[in-house]
Amino acid sequence: MQVFNVQGMSCGHCVNAITHAVQAKDPAASVRVDLAAKEVGVESSLSAEQVIEVISEEGYPVKLAG
């Protein structure tokens, strides 16, 4: 699982927007969002760069954690 730091998430709408955006590119992707930690975990065939691009397109500042 790849983990990303995502700023600007505050509610269920944010969670749904990010989850649906990632799953639009990879329908089999598993997305775990931790609002309190501002982290998104993604289990996917997408590269880290692709996931960052998808989340960025939704308007959230994102970087690979760690």
PDB file of N, CA and C in Angstrom:
ATOM      1  N   MET A   1       0.850  -1.185   0.000  1.00  0.00           N
ATOM      2  CA  MET A   1       0.000   0.000   0.000  1.00  0.00           C
ATOM      3  C   MET A   1       0.892   1.243   0.000  1.00  0.00           C
ATOM      4  N   GLN A   2       0.570   2.168  -0.875  1.00  0.00           N
ATOM      5  CA  GLN A   2       1.256   3.450  -0.936  1.00  0.00           C
ATOM      6  C   GLN A   2       0.502   4.428  -0.042  1.00  0.00           C
ATOM      7  N   VAL A   3       1.224   5.238   0.720  1.00  0.00           N
ATOM      8  CA  VAL A   3       0.593   6.196   1.623  1.00  0.00           C
ATOM      9  C   VAL A   3       0.990   7.605   1.199  1.00  0.00           C
ATOM     10  N   PHE A   4      -0.014   8.479   1.144  1.00  0.00           N
ATOM     11  CA  PHE A   4       0.175   9.856   0.707  1.00  0.00           C
ATOM     12  C   PHE A   4      -0.305  10.814   1.782  1.00  0.00           C
ATOM     13  N   ASN A   5       0.403  11.935   1.931  1.00  0.00           N
ATOM     14  CA  ASN A   5      -0.057  13.034   2.783  1.00  0.00           C
ATOM     15  C   ASN A   5      -0.915  13.923   1.906  1.00  0.00           C
ATOM     16  N   VAL A   6      -2.172  14.134   2.315  1.00  0.00           N
ATOM     17  CA  VAL A   6      -3.102  14.942   1.528  1.00  0.00           C
ATOM     18  C   VAL A   6      -3.669  16.042   2.415  1.00  0.00           C
ATOM     19  N   GLN A   7      -3.441  17.295   2.029  1.00  0.00           N
ATOM     20  CA  GLN A   7      -3.931  18.441   2.795  1.00  0.00           C
ATOM     21  C   GLN A   7      -5.306  18.852   2.262  1.00  0.00           C
ATOM     22  N   GLY A   8      -6.084  19.494   3.121  1.00  0.00           N
ATOM     23  CA  GLY A   8      -7.354  20.060   2.687  1.00  0.00           C
ATOM     24  C   GLY A   8      -8.556  19.138   2.800  1.00  0.00           C
ATOM     25  N   MET A   9      -8.349  17.906   3.269  1.00  0.00           N
ATOM     26  CA  MET A   9      -9.489  16.996   3.444  1.00  0.00           C
ATOM     27  C   MET A   9     -10.153  17.313   4.779  1.00  0.00           C
ATOM     28  N   SER A  10     -11.492  17.436   4.771  1.00  0.00           N
ATOM     29  CA  SER A  10     -12.155  17.782   6.022  1.00  0.00           C
ATOM     30  C   SER A  10     -13.453  17.031   6.277  1.00  0.00           C
ATOM     31  N   CYS A  11     -13.960  16.312   5.277  1.00  0.00           N
ATOM     32  CA  CYS A  11     -15.289  15.711   5.461  1.00  0.00           C
ATOM     33  C   CYS A  11     -15.473  14.485   4.568  1.00  0.00           C
ATOM     34  N   GLY A  12     -16.640  13.888   4.669  1.00  0.00           N
ATOM     35  CA  GLY A  12     -16.973  12.727   3.865  1.00  0.00           C
ATOM     36  C   GLY A  12     -16.961  13.006   2.376  1.00  0.00           C
ATOM     37  N   HIS A  13     -17.316  14.238   1.993  1.00  0.00           N
ATOM     38  CA  HIS A  13     -17.277  14.582   0.567  1.00  0.00           C
ATOM     39  C   HIS A  13     -15.855  14.478   0.034  1.00  0.00           C
ATOM     40  N   CYS A  14     -14.894  14.936   0.831  1.00  0.00           N
ATOM     41  CA  CYS A  14     -13.483  14.856   0.427  1.00  0.00           C
ATOM     42  C   CYS A  14     -13.074  13.386   0.240  1.00  0.00           C
ATOM     43  N   VAL A  15     -13.467  12.563   1.196  1.00  0.00           N
ATOM     44  CA  VAL A  15     -13.154  11.133   1.134  1.00  0.00           C
ATOM     45  C   VAL A  15     -13.737  10.525  -0.141  1.00  0.00           C
ATOM     46  N   ASN A  16     -15.006  10.818  -0.417  1.00  0.00           N
ATOM     47  CA  ASN A  16     -15.661  10.270  -1.610  1.00  0.00           C
ATOM     48  C   ASN A  16     -15.022  10.781  -2.895  1.00  0.00           C
ATOM     49  N   ALA A  17     -14.674  12.064  -2.935  1.00  0.00           N
ATOM     50  CA  ALA A  17     -14.079  12.643  -4.139  1.00  0.00           C
ATOM     51  C   ALA A  17     -12.753  11.961  -4.459  1.00  0.00           C
ATOM     52  N   ILE A  18     -11.921  11.782  -3.448  1.00  0.00           N
ATOM     53  CA  ILE A  18     -10.617  11.152  -3.655  1.00  0.00           C
ATOM     54  C   ILE A  18     -10.788   9.676  -4.012  1.00  0.00           C
ATOM     55  N   THR A  19     -11.649   8.981  -3.279  1.00  0.00           N
ATOM     56  CA  THR A  19     -11.873   7.552  -3.548  1.00  0.00           C
ATOM     57  C   THR A  19     -12.377   7.336  -4.971  1.00  0.00           C
ATOM     58  N   HIS A  20     -13.372   8.106  -5.381  1.00  0.00           N
ATOM     59  CA  HIS A  20     -13.935   7.941  -6.723  1.00  0.00           C
ATOM     60  C   HIS A  20     -12.940   8.328  -7.809  1.00  0.00           C
ATOM     61  N   ALA A  21     -12.129   9.342  -7.570  1.00  0.00           N
ATOM     62  CA  ALA A  21     -11.137   9.759  -8.562  1.00  0.00           C
ATOM     63  C   ALA A  21     -10.114   8.660  -8.799  1.00  0.00           C
ATOM     64  N   VAL A  22      -9.619   8.049  -7.715  1.00  0.00           N
ATOM     65  CA  VAL A  22      -8.640   6.963  -7.852  1.00  0.00           C
ATOM     66  C   VAL A  22      -9.290   5.758  -8.519  1.00  0.00           C
ATOM     67  N   GLN A  23     -10.500   5.400  -8.086  1.00  0.00           N
ATOM     68  CA  GLN A  23     -11.165   4.225  -8.644  1.00  0.00           C
ATOM     69  C   GLN A  23     -11.628   4.437 -10.084  1.00  0.00           C
ATOM     70  N   ALA A  24     -11.739   5.678 -10.530  1.00  0.00           N
ATOM     71  CA  ALA A  24     -12.059   5.941 -11.940  1.00  0.00           C
ATOM     72  C   ALA A  24     -10.900   5.516 -12.831  1.00  0.00           C
ATOM     73  N   LYS A  25      -9.675   5.635 -12.309  1.00  0.00           N
ATOM     74  CA  LYS A  25      -8.474   5.235 -13.066  1.00  0.00           C
ATOM     75  C   LYS A  25      -8.153   3.762 -12.876  1.00  0.00           C
ATOM     76  N   ASP A  26      -8.486   3.212 -11.689  1.00  0.00           N
ATOM     77  CA  ASP A  26      -8.251   1.808 -11.382  1.00  0.00           C
ATOM     78  C   ASP A  26      -9.430   1.302 -10.554  1.00  0.00           C
ATOM     79  N   PRO A  27     -10.445   0.728 -11.225  1.00  0.00           N
ATOM     80  CA  PRO A  27     -11.651   0.291 -10.502  1.00  0.00           C
ATOM     81  C   PRO A  27     -11.386  -0.725  -9.391  1.00  0.00           C
ATOM     82  N   ALA A  28     -10.275  -1.435  -9.454  1.00  0.00           N
ATOM     83  CA  ALA A  28      -9.964  -2.434  -8.439  1.00  0.00           C
ATOM     84  C   ALA A  28      -9.192  -1.843  -7.260  1.00  0.00           C
ATOM     85  N   ALA A  29      -8.899  -0.558  -7.304  1.00  0.00           N
ATOM     86  CA  ALA A  29      -8.095   0.077  -6.259  1.00  0.00           C
ATOM     87  C   ALA A  29      -8.811   0.053  -4.909  1.00  0.00           C
ATOM     88  N   SER A  30      -8.020  -0.129  -3.862  1.00  0.00           N
ATOM     89  CA  SER A  30      -8.505  -0.018  -2.493  1.00  0.00           C
ATOM     90  C   SER A  30      -7.974   1.303  -1.940  1.00  0.00           C
ATOM     91  N   VAL A  31      -8.877   2.137  -1.432  1.00  0.00           N
ATOM     92  CA  VAL A  31      -8.497   3.461  -0.939  1.00  0.00           C
ATOM     93  C   VAL A  31      -8.918   3.575   0.520  1.00  0.00           C
ATOM     94  N   ARG A  32      -7.961   3.938   1.376  1.00  0.00           N
ATOM     95  CA  ARG A  32      -8.222   4.131   2.803  1.00  0.00           C
ATOM     96  C   ARG A  32      -7.863   5.570   3.150  1.00  0.00           C
ATOM     97  N   VAL A  33      -8.816   6.309   3.702  1.00  0.00           N
ATOM     98  CA  VAL A  33      -8.592   7.716   4.025  1.00  0.00           C
ATOM     99  C   VAL A  33      -8.672   7.903   5.537  1.00  0.00           C
ATOM    100  N   ASP A  34      -7.652   8.565   6.089  1.00  0.00           N
ATOM    101  CA  ASP A  34      -7.624   8.922   7.511  1.00  0.00           C
ATOM    102  C   ASP A  34      -7.631  10.448   7.585  1.00  0.00           C
ATOM    103  N   LEU A  35      -8.833  11.017   7.800  1.00  0.00           N
ATOM    104  CA  LEU A  35      -8.971  12.479   7.823  1.00  0.00           C
ATOM    105  C   LEU A  35      -8.116  13.107   8.914  1.00  0.00           C
ATOM    106  N   ALA A  36      -8.100  12.529  10.107  1.00  0.00           N
ATOM    107  CA  ALA A  36      -7.371  13.110  11.232  1.00  0.00           C
ATOM    108  C   ALA A  36      -5.866  13.179  10.945  1.00  0.00           C
ATOM    109  N   ALA A  37      -5.332  12.128  10.333  1.00  0.00           N
ATOM    110  CA  ALA A  37      -3.896  12.074  10.039  1.00  0.00           C
ATOM    111  C   ALA A  37      -3.560  12.731   8.699  1.00  0.00           C
ATOM    112  N   LYS A  38      -4.590  13.109   7.943  1.00  0.00           N
ATOM    113  CA  LYS A  38      -4.420  13.671   6.594  1.00  0.00           C
ATOM    114  C   LYS A  38      -3.633  12.715   5.699  1.00  0.00           C
ATOM    115  N   GLU A  39      -3.996  11.425   5.798  1.00  0.00           N
ATOM    116  CA  GLU A  39      -3.327  10.401   5.000  1.00  0.00           C
ATOM    117  C   GLU A  39      -4.323   9.631   4.146  1.00  0.00           C
ATOM    118  N   VAL A  40      -3.850   9.254   2.965  1.00  0.00           N
ATOM    119  CA  VAL A  40      -4.624   8.410   2.067  1.00  0.00           C
ATOM    120  C   VAL A  40      -3.737   7.221   1.710  1.00  0.00           C
ATOM    121  N   GLY A  41      -4.241   6.016   1.956  1.00  0.00           N
ATOM    122  CA  GLY A  41      -3.537   4.798   1.575  1.00  0.00           C
ATOM    123  C   GLY A  41      -4.193   4.231   0.331  1.00  0.00           C
ATOM    124  N   VAL A  42      -3.384   3.880  -0.647  1.00  0.00           N
ATOM    125  CA  VAL A  42      -3.912   3.367  -1.908  1.00  0.00           C
ATOM    126  C   VAL A  42      -3.223   2.055  -2.259  1.00  0.00           C
ATOM    127  N   GLU A  43      -4.024   1.016  -2.460  1.00  0.00           N
ATOM    128  CA  GLU A  43      -3.550  -0.275  -2.962  1.00  0.00           C
ATOM    129  C   GLU A  43      -4.051  -0.355  -4.393  1.00  0.00           C
ATOM    130  N   SER A  44      -3.127  -0.245  -5.348  1.00  0.00           N
ATOM    131  CA  SER A  44      -3.539  -0.090  -6.735  1.00  0.00           C
ATOM    132  C   SER A  44      -2.418  -0.478  -7.679  1.00  0.00           C
ATOM    133  N   SER A  45      -2.790  -0.713  -8.924  1.00  0.00           N
ATOM    134  CA  SER A  45      -1.787  -0.950  -9.967  1.00  0.00           C
ATOM    135  C   SER A  45      -1.228   0.373 -10.487  1.00  0.00           C
ATOM    136  N   LEU A  46      -1.814   1.496 -10.065  1.00  0.00           N
ATOM    137  CA  LEU A  46      -1.329   2.813 -10.477  1.00  0.00           C
ATOM    138  C   LEU A  46       0.001   3.121  -9.793  1.00  0.00           C
ATOM    139  N   SER A  47       0.862   3.856 -10.475  1.00  0.00           N
ATOM    140  CA  SER A  47       2.123   4.286  -9.862  1.00  0.00           C
ATOM    141  C   SER A  47       1.835   5.411  -8.866  1.00  0.00           C
ATOM    142  N   ALA A  48       2.804   5.684  -7.998  1.00  0.00           N
ATOM    143  CA  ALA A  48       2.653   6.782  -7.040  1.00  0.00           C
ATOM    144  C   ALA A  48       2.422   8.094  -7.783  1.00  0.00           C
ATOM    145  N   GLU A  49       3.132   8.297  -8.890  1.00  0.00           N
ATOM    146  CA  GLU A  49       2.989   9.524  -9.671  1.00  0.00           C
ATOM    147  C   GLU A  49       1.572   9.655 -10.226  1.00  0.00           C
ATOM    148  N   GLN A  50       0.990   8.532 -10.672  1.00  0.00           N
ATOM    149  CA  GLN A  50      -0.372   8.559 -11.205  1.00  0.00           C
ATOM    150  C   GLN A  50      -1.380   8.897 -10.112  1.00  0.00           C
ATOM    151  N   VAL A  51      -1.200   8.323  -8.925  1.00  0.00           N
ATOM    152  CA  VAL A  51      -2.113   8.597  -7.813  1.00  0.00           C
ATOM    153  C   VAL A  51      -2.011  10.068  -7.413  1.00  0.00           C
ATOM    154  N   ILE A  52      -0.791  10.595  -7.339  1.00  0.00           N
ATOM    155  CA  ILE A  52      -0.588  12.009  -7.002  1.00  0.00           C
ATOM    156  C   ILE A  52      -1.290  12.898  -8.021  1.00  0.00           C
ATOM    157  N   GLU A  53      -1.165  12.556  -9.288  1.00  0.00           N
ATOM    158  CA  GLU A  53      -1.807  13.340 -10.348  1.00  0.00           C
ATOM    159  C   GLU A  53      -3.331  13.330 -10.192  1.00  0.00           C
ATOM    160  N   VAL A  54      -3.892  12.159  -9.933  1.00  0.00           N
ATOM    161  CA  VAL A  54      -5.352  12.024  -9.791  1.00  0.00           C
ATOM    162  C   VAL A  54      -5.867  12.843  -8.603  1.00  0.00           C
ATOM    163  N   ILE A  55      -5.185  12.736  -7.459  1.00  0.00           N
ATOM    164  CA  ILE A  55      -5.623  13.472  -6.261  1.00  0.00           C
ATOM    165  C   ILE A  55      -5.427  14.970  -6.472  1.00  0.00           C
ATOM    166  N   SER A  56      -4.334  15.362  -7.103  1.00  0.00           N
ATOM    167  CA  SER A  56      -4.088  16.783  -7.395  1.00  0.00           C
ATOM    168  C   SER A  56      -5.177  17.363  -8.282  1.00  0.00           C
ATOM    169  N   GLU A  57      -5.626  16.574  -9.258  1.00  0.00           N
ATOM    170  CA  GLU A  57      -6.684  17.032 -10.161  1.00  0.00           C
ATOM    171  C   GLU A  57      -7.984  17.302  -9.405  1.00  0.00           C
ATOM    172  N   GLU A  58      -8.163  16.661  -8.244  1.00  0.00           N
ATOM    173  CA  GLU A  58      -9.349  16.912  -7.416  1.00  0.00           C
ATOM    174  C   GLU A  58      -9.180  18.178  -6.572  1.00  0.00           C
ATOM    175  N   GLY A  59      -7.990  18.774  -6.615  1.00  0.00           N
ATOM    176  CA  GLY A  59      -7.774  20.042  -5.912  1.00  0.00           C
ATOM    177  C   GLY A  59      -7.113  19.932  -4.558  1.00  0.00           C
ATOM    178  N   TYR A  60      -6.510  18.771  -4.260  1.00  0.00           N
ATOM    179  CA  TYR A  60      -5.885  18.580  -2.963  1.00  0.00           C
ATOM    180  C   TYR A  60      -4.363  18.545  -3.100  1.00  0.00           C
ATOM    181  N   PRO A  61      -3.646  19.350  -2.263  1.00  0.00           N
ATOM    182  CA  PRO A  61      -2.187  19.245  -2.249  1.00  0.00           C
ATOM    183  C   PRO A  61      -1.796  17.864  -1.717  1.00  0.00           C
ATOM    184  N   VAL A  62      -0.936  17.165  -2.439  1.00  0.00           N
ATOM    185  CA  VAL A  62      -0.607  15.777  -2.081  1.00  0.00           C
ATOM    186  C   VAL A  62       0.865  15.498  -2.321  1.00  0.00           C
ATOM    187  N   LYS A  63       1.422  14.664  -1.445  1.00  0.00           N
ATOM    188  CA  LYS A  63       2.787  14.187  -1.654  1.00  0.00           C
ATOM    189  C   LYS A  63       2.893  12.789  -1.053  1.00  0.00           C
ATOM    190  N   LEU A  64       3.874  12.042  -1.532  1.00  0.00           N
ATOM    191  CA  LEU A  64       4.119  10.699  -1.025  1.00  0.00           C
ATOM    192  C   LEU A  64       4.608  10.813   0.410  1.00  0.00           C
ATOM    193  N   ALA A  65       4.017  10.037   1.303  1.00  0.00           N
ATOM    194  CA  ALA A  65       4.410  10.079   2.718  1.00  0.00           C
ATOM    195  C   ALA A  65       5.729   9.357   2.895  1.00  0.00           C
ATOM    196  N   GLY A  66       6.465   9.813   3.899  1.00  0.00           N
ATOM    197  CA  GLY A  66       7.560   9.038   4.319  1.00  0.00           C
ATOM    198  C   GLY A  66       8.929   9.362   3.995  1.00  0.00           C
TER     199      GLY A  66
END
